[in-house]
Amino acid sequence: MLKKSPFGQRYLLTDAHAACLGAFNGEDGALLILGTGSCGVVYQNERFNIVGGWGFPLSDQGSGARIGLSALEYSLAALDGISPSTPFTDSINAEFSLSAEEYVLYQNRVPLPKEYGAFAVQVFQFAQQKDPIALKIIQQQVEWVSQYLDALIAKGAQKIVLVGGVSEAILEYLPERFSPYFCQPKGDAMAGAILMAKAQIGRKAI
């Protein structure tokens, strides 16, 4: 038996929907979240359009989790002599006791996306020191982020807000052609959720 909700009505949407509404105070706009995961949202003519955000590791390109996964991938390859070693890969490999078996043990316990994302911090730190592998990882993810942004623009986005911890770090690496689209948010996800409730945007739940 379903328990009766204490609320008059309920609406099912994600935090990405709410964040997009809040960022533009309910007006048309687009949002790209680049945090532990990633997701793009376009809100136009009272309709939402989602880009990506289907979960790590199959989706979430440009996210901290994907950057961290690449960090471990390149560092393990360097440990095996498959790819060059750099100060960045040496630093990561030291955390795994210079042991490929430690990588396997780490992988086998199925780490959470946020655990992979923790390694993204070092990627950006070493990129500032011009480490070639760290820069290569960022460039690969910049290509993905650019594709996300192009998809949002193709869906009608004229203004785009970037949010999430990775967005701040990766912004300086993004192509200049996206700069005219970027703007600051007017509000946050909580403001968007309130707008959502007031305007009854979304799907009614039972």
N, C-alpha and C. Protein backbone atom coordinates (compact mmCIF):
# COMPACT_ATOMS: atom_id res chain seq x y z
N MET A 1 0.85 -1.19 0.00
CA MET A 1 0.00 0.00 0.00
C MET A 1 0.89 1.25 0.00
N LEU A 2 0.62 2.17 -0.92
CA LEU A 2 1.40 3.39 -1.00
C LEU A 2 1.04 4.34 0.13
N LYS A 3 2.07 4.88 0.73
CA LYS A 3 1.84 5.85 1.79
C LYS A 3 1.47 7.19 1.18
N LYS A 4 0.46 7.81 1.70
CA LYS A 4 0.01 9.09 1.17
C LYS A 4 1.04 10.18 1.45
N SER A 5 1.34 10.97 0.43
CA SER A 5 2.31 12.05 0.58
C SER A 5 1.70 13.20 1.39
N PRO A 6 2.51 13.82 2.26
CA PRO A 6 2.00 14.99 3.00
C PRO A 6 1.90 16.23 2.12
N PHE A 7 2.43 16.15 0.90
CA PHE A 7 2.40 17.30 -0.01
C PHE A 7 1.23 17.18 -0.97
N GLY A 8 0.72 18.31 -1.39
CA GLY A 8 -0.42 18.33 -2.30
C GLY A 8 -0.09 17.73 -3.65
N GLN A 9 1.09 18.06 -4.18
CA GLN A 9 1.54 17.54 -5.46
C GLN A 9 3.04 17.33 -5.43
N ARG A 10 3.51 16.43 -6.26
CA ARG A 10 4.95 16.19 -6.37
C ARG A 10 5.34 16.21 -7.84
N TYR A 11 6.60 16.64 -8.11
CA TYR A 11 7.09 16.69 -9.47
C TYR A 11 8.47 16.05 -9.52
N LEU A 12 8.66 15.19 -10.53
CA LEU A 12 9.91 14.45 -10.63
C LEU A 12 10.82 15.04 -11.72
N LEU A 13 11.86 15.72 -11.28
CA LEU A 13 12.91 16.18 -12.17
C LEU A 13 14.23 16.07 -11.41
N THR A 14 15.35 16.26 -12.10
CA THR A 14 16.65 16.09 -11.46
C THR A 14 17.20 17.42 -10.95
N ASP A 15 18.31 17.32 -10.22
CA ASP A 15 18.97 18.54 -9.75
C ASP A 15 19.51 19.35 -10.92
N ALA A 16 19.82 18.67 -12.05
CA ALA A 16 20.30 19.40 -13.23
C ALA A 16 19.20 20.30 -13.79
N HIS A 17 17.97 19.78 -13.84
CA HIS A 17 16.84 20.59 -14.29
C HIS A 17 16.66 21.81 -13.38
N ALA A 18 16.68 21.56 -12.07
CA ALA A 18 16.49 22.63 -11.10
C ALA A 18 17.60 23.67 -11.19
N ALA A 19 18.84 23.20 -11.36
CA ALA A 19 19.98 24.12 -11.45
C ALA A 19 19.87 24.99 -12.68
N CYS A 20 19.39 24.42 -13.79
CA CYS A 20 19.24 25.20 -15.03
C CYS A 20 18.17 26.27 -14.86
N LEU A 21 17.06 25.91 -14.25
CA LEU A 21 16.00 26.89 -14.00
C LEU A 21 16.49 28.01 -13.10
N GLY A 22 17.20 27.63 -12.04
CA GLY A 22 17.71 28.62 -11.10
C GLY A 22 18.73 29.54 -11.73
N ALA A 23 19.57 28.98 -12.59
CA ALA A 23 20.65 29.77 -13.21
C ALA A 23 20.11 30.90 -14.06
N PHE A 24 18.92 30.70 -14.65
CA PHE A 24 18.34 31.72 -15.54
C PHE A 24 17.02 32.27 -15.01
N ASN A 25 16.77 32.03 -13.72
CA ASN A 25 15.56 32.56 -13.08
C ASN A 25 14.30 32.16 -13.86
N GLY A 26 14.31 30.92 -14.36
CA GLY A 26 13.14 30.41 -15.06
C GLY A 26 13.05 30.77 -16.52
N GLU A 27 14.00 31.57 -17.01
CA GLU A 27 14.00 31.94 -18.43
C GLU A 27 14.82 30.93 -19.24
N ASP A 28 14.78 31.07 -20.56
CA ASP A 28 15.52 30.15 -21.43
C ASP A 28 17.02 30.24 -21.18
N GLY A 29 17.69 29.11 -21.26
CA GLY A 29 19.14 29.09 -21.09
C GLY A 29 19.64 27.66 -21.04
N ALA A 30 20.93 27.51 -20.90
CA ALA A 30 21.54 26.18 -20.85
C ALA A 30 22.57 26.11 -19.74
N LEU A 31 22.76 24.92 -19.24
CA LEU A 31 23.66 24.68 -18.12
C LEU A 31 24.52 23.47 -18.44
N LEU A 32 25.81 23.55 -18.14
CA LEU A 32 26.69 22.38 -18.25
C LEU A 32 27.34 22.15 -16.90
N ILE A 33 27.01 21.02 -16.32
CA ILE A 33 27.58 20.64 -15.03
C ILE A 33 28.84 19.83 -15.27
N LEU A 34 29.96 20.28 -14.71
CA LEU A 34 31.22 19.55 -14.78
C LEU A 34 31.74 19.40 -13.36
N GLY A 35 31.30 18.36 -12.70
CA GLY A 35 31.73 18.10 -11.33
C GLY A 35 32.30 16.69 -11.26
N THR A 36 31.88 15.92 -10.26
CA THR A 36 32.26 14.51 -10.22
C THR A 36 31.74 13.81 -11.47
N GLY A 37 30.51 14.16 -11.87
CA GLY A 37 29.93 13.70 -13.12
C GLY A 37 29.72 14.89 -14.04
N SER A 38 29.03 14.68 -15.15
CA SER A 38 28.74 15.79 -16.06
C SER A 38 27.37 15.61 -16.67
N CYS A 39 26.76 16.74 -17.03
CA CYS A 39 25.44 16.71 -17.66
C CYS A 39 25.14 18.08 -18.23
N GLY A 40 24.55 18.11 -19.42
CA GLY A 40 24.13 19.36 -20.03
C GLY A 40 22.62 19.44 -20.08
N VAL A 41 22.08 20.64 -19.90
CA VAL A 41 20.63 20.86 -19.94
C VAL A 41 20.34 22.13 -20.72
N VAL A 42 19.36 22.04 -21.62
CA VAL A 42 18.84 23.22 -22.30
C VAL A 42 17.38 23.39 -21.90
N TYR A 43 17.02 24.60 -21.47
CA TYR A 43 15.62 24.91 -21.18
C TYR A 43 15.18 25.98 -22.17
N GLN A 44 14.21 25.61 -23.00
CA GLN A 44 13.78 26.52 -24.05
C GLN A 44 12.30 26.28 -24.35
N ASN A 45 11.55 27.38 -24.42
CA ASN A 45 10.11 27.29 -24.69
C ASN A 45 9.41 26.32 -23.73
N GLU A 46 9.81 26.42 -22.46
CA GLU A 46 9.21 25.62 -21.37
C GLU A 46 9.45 24.12 -21.53
N ARG A 47 10.50 23.76 -22.24
CA ARG A 47 10.84 22.36 -22.40
C ARG A 47 12.32 22.14 -22.11
N PHE A 48 12.64 20.98 -21.53
CA PHE A 48 14.02 20.62 -21.22
C PHE A 48 14.57 19.66 -22.27
N ASN A 49 15.87 19.78 -22.51
CA ASN A 49 16.58 18.86 -23.38
C ASN A 49 17.88 18.49 -22.69
N ILE A 50 18.10 17.20 -22.47
CA ILE A 50 19.27 16.74 -21.73
C ILE A 50 20.37 16.28 -22.67
N VAL A 51 21.62 16.60 -22.33
CA VAL A 51 22.79 16.14 -23.08
C VAL A 51 23.69 15.39 -22.12
N GLY A 52 23.88 14.11 -22.36
CA GLY A 52 24.76 13.30 -21.51
C GLY A 52 24.18 13.09 -20.12
N GLY A 53 25.10 12.85 -19.16
CA GLY A 53 24.68 12.66 -17.79
C GLY A 53 24.15 11.27 -17.49
N TRP A 54 24.58 10.27 -18.26
CA TRP A 54 24.04 8.92 -18.09
C TRP A 54 24.86 8.06 -17.14
N GLY A 55 25.86 8.65 -16.52
CA GLY A 55 26.60 7.92 -15.49
C GLY A 55 27.97 7.44 -15.91
N PHE A 56 28.84 7.38 -14.93
CA PHE A 56 30.22 6.92 -15.08
C PHE A 56 30.24 5.38 -15.09
N PRO A 57 31.05 4.75 -15.94
CA PRO A 57 32.04 5.33 -16.85
C PRO A 57 31.58 5.46 -18.30
N LEU A 58 30.32 5.08 -18.61
CA LEU A 58 29.88 5.12 -20.00
C LEU A 58 29.62 6.52 -20.50
N SER A 59 29.28 7.43 -19.61
CA SER A 59 28.99 8.81 -19.97
C SER A 59 29.83 9.72 -19.07
N ASP A 60 29.31 10.90 -18.74
CA ASP A 60 29.99 11.82 -17.81
C ASP A 60 31.35 12.29 -18.30
N GLN A 61 31.51 12.41 -19.62
CA GLN A 61 32.78 12.92 -20.15
C GLN A 61 33.04 14.34 -19.66
N GLY A 62 34.30 14.65 -19.46
CA GLY A 62 34.67 15.97 -18.97
C GLY A 62 34.55 16.12 -17.47
N SER A 63 34.15 15.06 -16.80
CA SER A 63 33.94 15.11 -15.35
C SER A 63 35.20 14.79 -14.58
N GLY A 64 35.16 15.04 -13.28
CA GLY A 64 36.28 14.69 -12.42
C GLY A 64 36.54 13.20 -12.42
N ALA A 65 35.46 12.40 -12.46
CA ALA A 65 35.62 10.95 -12.45
C ALA A 65 36.33 10.46 -13.70
N ARG A 66 35.96 11.01 -14.86
CA ARG A 66 36.60 10.59 -16.10
C ARG A 66 38.05 11.06 -16.17
N ILE A 67 38.31 12.26 -15.66
CA ILE A 67 39.69 12.77 -15.63
C ILE A 67 40.54 11.90 -14.70
N GLY A 68 39.98 11.54 -13.54
CA GLY A 68 40.70 10.69 -12.60
C GLY A 68 40.96 9.31 -13.16
N LEU A 69 39.99 8.75 -13.86
CA LEU A 69 40.17 7.45 -14.48
C LEU A 69 41.31 7.49 -15.49
N SER A 70 41.35 8.55 -16.30
CA SER A 70 42.44 8.71 -17.27
C SER A 70 43.79 8.85 -16.57
N ALA A 71 43.79 9.51 -15.44
CA ALA A 71 45.03 9.68 -14.66
C ALA A 71 45.59 8.31 -14.27
N LEU A 72 44.72 7.43 -13.81
CA LEU A 72 45.18 6.10 -13.41
C LEU A 72 45.57 5.27 -14.64
N GLU A 73 44.81 5.42 -15.71
CA GLU A 73 45.10 4.68 -16.94
C GLU A 73 46.49 5.00 -17.47
N TYR A 74 46.81 6.30 -17.58
CA TYR A 74 48.11 6.70 -18.10
C TYR A 74 49.25 6.36 -17.14
N SER A 75 48.97 6.46 -15.85
CA SER A 75 50.01 6.17 -14.86
C SER A 75 50.34 4.68 -14.83
N LEU A 76 49.32 3.84 -14.93
CA LEU A 76 49.57 2.40 -14.97
C LEU A 76 50.32 2.03 -16.25
N ALA A 77 49.96 2.66 -17.37
CA ALA A 77 50.65 2.41 -18.63
C ALA A 77 52.12 2.83 -18.53
N ALA A 78 52.38 3.93 -17.84
CA ALA A 78 53.76 4.37 -17.64
C ALA A 78 54.53 3.39 -16.77
N LEU A 79 53.85 2.86 -15.75
CA LEU A 79 54.49 1.88 -14.87
C LEU A 79 54.88 0.63 -15.65
N ASP A 80 54.09 0.26 -16.64
CA ASP A 80 54.37 -0.91 -17.47
C ASP A 80 55.34 -0.61 -18.60
N GLY A 81 55.69 0.67 -18.79
CA GLY A 81 56.58 1.05 -19.87
C GLY A 81 55.88 1.17 -21.21
N ILE A 82 54.55 1.22 -21.19
CA ILE A 82 53.77 1.35 -22.42
C ILE A 82 53.77 2.79 -22.90
N SER A 83 53.72 3.72 -21.96
CA SER A 83 53.75 5.15 -22.29
C SER A 83 54.81 5.83 -21.44
N PRO A 84 55.20 7.05 -21.80
CA PRO A 84 56.28 7.72 -21.06
C PRO A 84 55.92 8.02 -19.61
N SER A 85 56.93 8.02 -18.78
CA SER A 85 56.76 8.46 -17.39
C SER A 85 57.01 9.95 -17.32
N THR A 86 56.27 10.61 -16.46
CA THR A 86 56.45 12.03 -16.22
C THR A 86 56.35 12.26 -14.72
N PRO A 87 56.68 13.44 -14.22
CA PRO A 87 56.50 13.70 -12.79
C PRO A 87 55.07 13.42 -12.33
N PHE A 88 54.10 13.67 -13.21
CA PHE A 88 52.70 13.40 -12.86
C PHE A 88 52.46 11.91 -12.66
N THR A 89 52.83 11.10 -13.65
CA THR A 89 52.61 9.65 -13.51
C THR A 89 53.43 9.08 -12.36
N ASP A 90 54.63 9.61 -12.13
CA ASP A 90 55.46 9.15 -11.00
C ASP A 90 54.73 9.41 -9.68
N SER A 91 54.07 10.56 -9.58
CA SER A 91 53.36 10.92 -8.35
C SER A 91 52.19 9.96 -8.11
N ILE A 92 51.43 9.67 -9.17
CA ILE A 92 50.29 8.76 -9.03
C ILE A 92 50.79 7.35 -8.70
N ASN A 93 51.82 6.91 -9.40
CA ASN A 93 52.34 5.56 -9.17
C ASN A 93 52.90 5.38 -7.77
N ALA A 94 53.43 6.44 -7.21
CA ALA A 94 53.92 6.37 -5.83
C ALA A 94 52.77 6.08 -4.86
N GLU A 95 51.59 6.62 -5.17
CA GLU A 95 50.42 6.38 -4.33
C GLU A 95 49.98 4.91 -4.39
N PHE A 96 50.35 4.24 -5.47
CA PHE A 96 50.02 2.82 -5.62
C PHE A 96 51.24 1.92 -5.37
N SER A 97 52.20 2.48 -4.63
CA SER A 97 53.40 1.72 -4.22
C SER A 97 54.15 1.13 -5.40
N LEU A 98 54.10 1.82 -6.55
CA LEU A 98 54.79 1.37 -7.77
C LEU A 98 54.43 -0.08 -8.11
N SER A 99 53.18 -0.42 -7.87
CA SER A 99 52.74 -1.81 -8.04
C SER A 99 51.48 -1.88 -8.91
N ALA A 100 51.57 -2.60 -10.03
CA ALA A 100 50.40 -2.81 -10.87
C ALA A 100 49.33 -3.59 -10.12
N GLU A 101 49.77 -4.49 -9.24
CA GLU A 101 48.81 -5.27 -8.46
C GLU A 101 47.95 -4.38 -7.58
N GLU A 102 48.53 -3.27 -7.08
CA GLU A 102 47.75 -2.34 -6.26
C GLU A 102 46.66 -1.67 -7.08
N TYR A 103 46.94 -1.41 -8.34
CA TYR A 103 45.92 -0.86 -9.23
C TYR A 103 44.77 -1.86 -9.40
N VAL A 104 45.12 -3.13 -9.57
CA VAL A 104 44.10 -4.16 -9.75
C VAL A 104 43.23 -4.28 -8.50
N LEU A 105 43.85 -4.26 -7.35
CA LEU A 105 43.09 -4.33 -6.10
C LEU A 105 42.16 -3.13 -5.96
N TYR A 106 42.65 -1.97 -6.34
CA TYR A 106 41.84 -0.75 -6.29
C TYR A 106 40.64 -0.89 -7.22
N GLN A 107 40.91 -1.34 -8.44
CA GLN A 107 39.84 -1.49 -9.43
C GLN A 107 38.81 -2.53 -9.01
N ASN A 108 39.27 -3.62 -8.44
CA ASN A 108 38.38 -4.73 -8.12
C ASN A 108 37.38 -4.42 -7.00
N ARG A 109 37.68 -3.41 -6.21
CA ARG A 109 36.71 -3.06 -5.16
C ARG A 109 35.67 -2.07 -5.66
N VAL A 110 35.71 -1.79 -6.96
CA VAL A 110 34.73 -0.94 -7.64
C VAL A 110 34.60 0.42 -6.93
N PRO A 111 35.60 1.28 -7.08
CA PRO A 111 35.56 2.60 -6.43
C PRO A 111 34.39 3.44 -6.93
N LEU A 112 33.93 4.33 -6.09
CA LEU A 112 32.88 5.26 -6.48
C LEU A 112 33.45 6.31 -7.43
N PRO A 113 32.60 6.94 -8.25
CA PRO A 113 33.09 8.00 -9.14
C PRO A 113 33.86 9.09 -8.40
N LYS A 114 33.41 9.45 -7.20
CA LYS A 114 34.10 10.51 -6.45
C LYS A 114 35.51 10.11 -6.06
N GLU A 115 35.75 8.79 -5.91
CA GLU A 115 37.09 8.33 -5.58
C GLU A 115 38.02 8.50 -6.78
N TYR A 116 37.52 8.21 -7.96
CA TYR A 116 38.30 8.49 -9.17
C TYR A 116 38.49 10.00 -9.32
N GLY A 117 37.43 10.74 -9.03
CA GLY A 117 37.48 12.19 -9.18
C GLY A 117 38.54 12.85 -8.32
N ALA A 118 38.89 12.22 -7.21
CA ALA A 118 39.90 12.80 -6.31
C ALA A 118 41.24 12.94 -7.01
N PHE A 119 41.51 12.10 -8.01
CA PHE A 119 42.79 12.17 -8.72
C PHE A 119 42.82 13.31 -9.73
N ALA A 120 41.66 13.87 -10.05
CA ALA A 120 41.61 14.97 -11.03
C ALA A 120 42.36 16.20 -10.52
N VAL A 121 42.39 16.38 -9.21
CA VAL A 121 43.07 17.54 -8.64
C VAL A 121 44.54 17.55 -9.06
N GLN A 122 45.19 16.39 -9.00
CA GLN A 122 46.59 16.32 -9.38
C GLN A 122 46.80 16.57 -10.87
N VAL A 123 45.83 16.14 -11.68
CA VAL A 123 45.94 16.38 -13.12
C VAL A 123 46.07 17.87 -13.39
N PHE A 124 45.20 18.66 -12.78
CA PHE A 124 45.24 20.11 -13.00
C PHE A 124 46.47 20.75 -12.35
N GLN A 125 46.89 20.23 -11.22
CA GLN A 125 48.08 20.76 -10.57
C GLN A 125 49.31 20.56 -11.46
N PHE A 126 49.48 19.38 -12.00
CA PHE A 126 50.65 19.10 -12.83
C PHE A 126 50.52 19.75 -14.21
N ALA A 127 49.29 19.96 -14.66
CA ALA A 127 49.10 20.67 -15.94
C ALA A 127 49.62 22.09 -15.83
N GLN A 128 49.47 22.70 -14.67
CA GLN A 128 50.00 24.04 -14.46
C GLN A 128 51.52 24.06 -14.54
N GLN A 129 52.13 22.90 -14.28
CA GLN A 129 53.58 22.77 -14.39
C GLN A 129 54.00 22.26 -15.77
N LYS A 130 53.03 22.24 -16.70
CA LYS A 130 53.26 21.83 -18.10
C LYS A 130 53.65 20.36 -18.24
N ASP A 131 53.19 19.53 -17.32
CA ASP A 131 53.45 18.11 -17.45
C ASP A 131 52.72 17.59 -18.69
N PRO A 132 53.42 16.91 -19.61
CA PRO A 132 52.81 16.52 -20.88
C PRO A 132 51.65 15.53 -20.77
N ILE A 133 51.72 14.59 -19.83
CA ILE A 133 50.63 13.63 -19.69
C ILE A 133 49.41 14.29 -19.06
N ALA A 134 49.63 15.13 -18.07
CA ALA A 134 48.51 15.85 -17.44
C ALA A 134 47.82 16.74 -18.47
N LEU A 135 48.62 17.42 -19.28
CA LEU A 135 48.05 18.28 -20.34
C LEU A 135 47.31 17.46 -21.39
N LYS A 136 47.83 16.28 -21.69
CA LYS A 136 47.18 15.40 -22.67
C LYS A 136 45.81 14.96 -22.17
N ILE A 137 45.73 14.60 -20.90
CA ILE A 137 44.45 14.19 -20.30
C ILE A 137 43.45 15.32 -20.37
N ILE A 138 43.88 16.52 -19.99
CA ILE A 138 42.97 17.67 -20.02
C ILE A 138 42.51 17.96 -21.44
N GLN A 139 43.42 17.89 -22.40
CA GLN A 139 43.06 18.18 -23.78
C GLN A 139 42.03 17.18 -24.30
N GLN A 140 42.19 15.93 -23.92
CA GLN A 140 41.22 14.92 -24.34
C GLN A 140 39.84 15.22 -23.77
N GLN A 141 39.79 15.64 -22.51
CA GLN A 141 38.50 15.96 -21.90
C GLN A 141 37.95 17.28 -22.43
N VAL A 142 38.83 18.22 -22.78
CA VAL A 142 38.38 19.47 -23.41
C VAL A 142 37.66 19.17 -24.72
N GLU A 143 38.14 18.20 -25.45
CA GLU A 143 37.47 17.81 -26.70
C GLU A 143 36.06 17.32 -26.42
N TRP A 144 35.89 16.54 -25.36
CA TRP A 144 34.56 16.08 -24.98
C TRP A 144 33.67 17.23 -24.53
N VAL A 145 34.23 18.10 -23.68
CA VAL A 145 33.45 19.24 -23.19
C VAL A 145 33.01 20.12 -24.36
N SER A 146 33.90 20.30 -25.33
CA SER A 146 33.57 21.09 -26.52
C SER A 146 32.41 20.46 -27.28
N GLN A 147 32.39 19.14 -27.36
CA GLN A 147 31.29 18.45 -28.03
C GLN A 147 29.98 18.64 -27.25
N TYR A 148 30.05 18.61 -25.94
CA TYR A 148 28.86 18.87 -25.12
C TYR A 148 28.35 20.29 -25.39
N LEU A 149 29.26 21.25 -25.39
CA LEU A 149 28.87 22.65 -25.61
C LEU A 149 28.29 22.83 -27.01
N ASP A 150 28.90 22.21 -28.00
CA ASP A 150 28.38 22.29 -29.37
C ASP A 150 26.97 21.69 -29.45
N ALA A 151 26.75 20.61 -28.71
CA ALA A 151 25.43 19.98 -28.70
C ALA A 151 24.39 20.90 -28.07
N LEU A 152 24.76 21.58 -26.99
CA LEU A 152 23.84 22.53 -26.35
C LEU A 152 23.51 23.68 -27.30
N ILE A 153 24.52 24.18 -27.98
CA ILE A 153 24.32 25.29 -28.92
C ILE A 153 23.43 24.83 -30.09
N ALA A 154 23.67 23.61 -30.57
CA ALA A 154 22.87 23.07 -31.67
C ALA A 154 21.40 22.92 -31.28
N LYS A 155 21.16 22.74 -29.98
CA LYS A 155 19.79 22.60 -29.49
C LYS A 155 19.16 23.95 -29.15
N GLY A 156 19.86 25.02 -29.47
CA GLY A 156 19.28 26.34 -29.33
C GLY A 156 19.83 27.21 -28.22
N ALA A 157 20.82 26.72 -27.46
CA ALA A 157 21.36 27.51 -26.36
C ALA A 157 22.07 28.76 -26.87
N GLN A 158 21.71 29.91 -26.28
CA GLN A 158 22.38 31.17 -26.60
C GLN A 158 23.24 31.65 -25.44
N LYS A 159 22.90 31.21 -24.24
CA LYS A 159 23.70 31.50 -23.05
C LYS A 159 23.88 30.21 -22.26
N ILE A 160 25.10 29.99 -21.78
CA ILE A 160 25.42 28.76 -21.07
C ILE A 160 26.13 29.08 -19.76
N VAL A 161 25.65 28.48 -18.69
CA VAL A 161 26.29 28.60 -17.39
C VAL A 161 27.07 27.32 -17.12
N LEU A 162 28.32 27.46 -16.72
CA LEU A 162 29.15 26.33 -16.31
C LEU A 162 29.15 26.24 -14.79
N VAL A 163 28.88 25.07 -14.26
CA VAL A 163 28.91 24.88 -12.82
C VAL A 163 29.67 23.60 -12.50
N GLY A 164 30.06 23.46 -11.24
CA GLY A 164 30.81 22.29 -10.80
C GLY A 164 32.29 22.59 -10.66
N GLY A 165 32.94 21.84 -9.78
CA GLY A 165 34.35 22.08 -9.48
C GLY A 165 35.28 21.98 -10.68
N VAL A 166 35.03 21.05 -11.59
CA VAL A 166 35.89 20.89 -12.75
C VAL A 166 35.74 22.07 -13.71
N SER A 167 34.54 22.65 -13.77
CA SER A 167 34.30 23.76 -14.71
C SER A 167 35.24 24.92 -14.45
N GLU A 168 35.51 25.21 -13.20
CA GLU A 168 36.40 26.32 -12.86
C GLU A 168 37.83 26.02 -13.31
N ALA A 169 38.25 24.76 -13.14
CA ALA A 169 39.62 24.40 -13.46
C ALA A 169 39.86 24.26 -14.96
N ILE A 170 38.85 23.81 -15.67
CA ILE A 170 39.03 23.51 -17.10
C ILE A 170 38.73 24.72 -17.99
N LEU A 171 38.12 25.74 -17.42
CA LEU A 171 37.67 26.90 -18.21
C LEU A 171 38.80 27.51 -19.04
N GLU A 172 39.98 27.64 -18.46
CA GLU A 172 41.08 28.29 -19.18
C GLU A 172 41.58 27.48 -20.38
N TYR A 173 41.20 26.20 -20.44
CA TYR A 173 41.65 25.34 -21.54
C TYR A 173 40.62 25.24 -22.66
N LEU A 174 39.42 25.78 -22.45
CA LEU A 174 38.37 25.66 -23.46
C LEU A 174 38.61 26.62 -24.62
N PRO A 175 38.20 26.24 -25.82
CA PRO A 175 38.38 27.11 -26.99
C PRO A 175 37.72 28.47 -26.81
N GLU A 176 38.36 29.48 -27.31
CA GLU A 176 37.89 30.86 -27.16
C GLU A 176 36.52 31.07 -27.81
N ARG A 177 36.19 30.25 -28.80
CA ARG A 177 34.92 30.45 -29.51
C ARG A 177 33.69 30.28 -28.62
N PHE A 178 33.87 29.64 -27.46
CA PHE A 178 32.73 29.45 -26.56
C PHE A 178 32.52 30.63 -25.60
N SER A 179 33.51 31.49 -25.49
CA SER A 179 33.45 32.59 -24.51
C SER A 179 32.20 33.45 -24.62
N PRO A 180 31.73 33.81 -25.83
CA PRO A 180 30.52 34.65 -25.92
C PRO A 180 29.26 34.00 -25.34
N TYR A 181 29.28 32.69 -25.19
CA TYR A 181 28.10 31.98 -24.68
C TYR A 181 28.06 31.93 -23.15
N PHE A 182 29.22 32.04 -22.52
CA PHE A 182 29.29 31.85 -21.08
C PHE A 182 28.75 33.05 -20.31
N CYS A 183 28.02 32.76 -19.24
CA CYS A 183 27.51 33.82 -18.38
C CYS A 183 27.43 33.32 -16.95
N GLN A 184 27.22 34.23 -16.01
CA GLN A 184 27.12 33.89 -14.61
C GLN A 184 25.68 33.52 -14.24
N PRO A 185 25.49 32.57 -13.32
CA PRO A 185 24.13 32.19 -12.93
C PRO A 185 23.44 33.26 -12.10
N LYS A 186 22.13 33.35 -12.27
CA LYS A 186 21.33 34.28 -11.47
C LYS A 186 20.89 33.66 -10.15
N GLY A 187 20.83 32.35 -10.12
CA GLY A 187 20.41 31.65 -8.91
C GLY A 187 20.95 30.23 -8.90
N ASP A 188 20.60 29.48 -7.85
CA ASP A 188 21.11 28.11 -7.72
C ASP A 188 20.00 27.09 -7.90
N ALA A 189 20.32 25.82 -7.62
CA ALA A 189 19.36 24.74 -7.81
C ALA A 189 18.16 24.88 -6.89
N MET A 190 18.37 25.39 -5.68
CA MET A 190 17.24 25.57 -4.76
C MET A 190 16.26 26.58 -5.32
N ALA A 191 16.78 27.67 -5.86
CA ALA A 191 15.91 28.67 -6.48
C ALA A 191 15.16 28.05 -7.65
N GLY A 192 15.84 27.19 -8.40
CA GLY A 192 15.20 26.53 -9.52
C GLY A 192 14.11 25.57 -9.08
N ALA A 193 14.34 24.87 -7.98
CA ALA A 193 13.34 23.94 -7.46
C ALA A 193 12.08 24.68 -7.03
N ILE A 194 12.27 25.86 -6.44
CA ILE A 194 11.12 26.66 -6.02
C ILE A 194 10.34 27.14 -7.24
N LEU A 195 11.06 27.57 -8.26
CA LEU A 195 10.40 27.97 -9.52
C LEU A 195 9.65 26.79 -10.14
N MET A 196 10.28 25.64 -10.08
CA MET A 196 9.69 24.44 -10.63
C MET A 196 8.35 24.13 -9.96
N ALA A 197 8.35 24.24 -8.64
CA ALA A 197 7.13 23.96 -7.88
C ALA A 197 6.04 24.99 -8.16
N LYS A 198 6.44 26.26 -8.20
CA LYS A 198 5.45 27.32 -8.42
C LYS A 198 4.83 27.24 -9.81
N ALA A 199 5.67 26.93 -10.80
CA ALA A 199 5.17 26.88 -12.18
C ALA A 199 4.66 25.50 -12.56
N GLN A 200 4.79 24.56 -11.62
CA GLN A 200 4.36 23.16 -11.86
C GLN A 200 5.03 22.59 -13.12
N ILE A 201 6.35 22.81 -13.18
CA ILE A 201 7.13 22.29 -14.29
C ILE A 201 7.56 20.87 -13.94
N GLY A 202 7.25 19.93 -14.80
CA GLY A 202 7.67 18.56 -14.56
C GLY A 202 6.53 17.58 -14.66
N ARG A 203 6.81 16.39 -14.23
CA ARG A 203 5.84 15.30 -14.33
C ARG A 203 5.25 15.00 -12.96
N LYS A 204 3.95 14.91 -12.87
CA LYS A 204 3.30 14.61 -11.61
C LYS A 204 3.63 13.19 -11.17
N ALA A 205 3.89 13.04 -9.88
CA ALA A 205 4.12 11.71 -9.33
C ALA A 205 2.84 11.23 -8.65
N ILE A 206 2.73 9.92 -8.51
CA ILE A 206 1.56 9.35 -7.83
C ILE A 206 1.75 9.46 -6.32
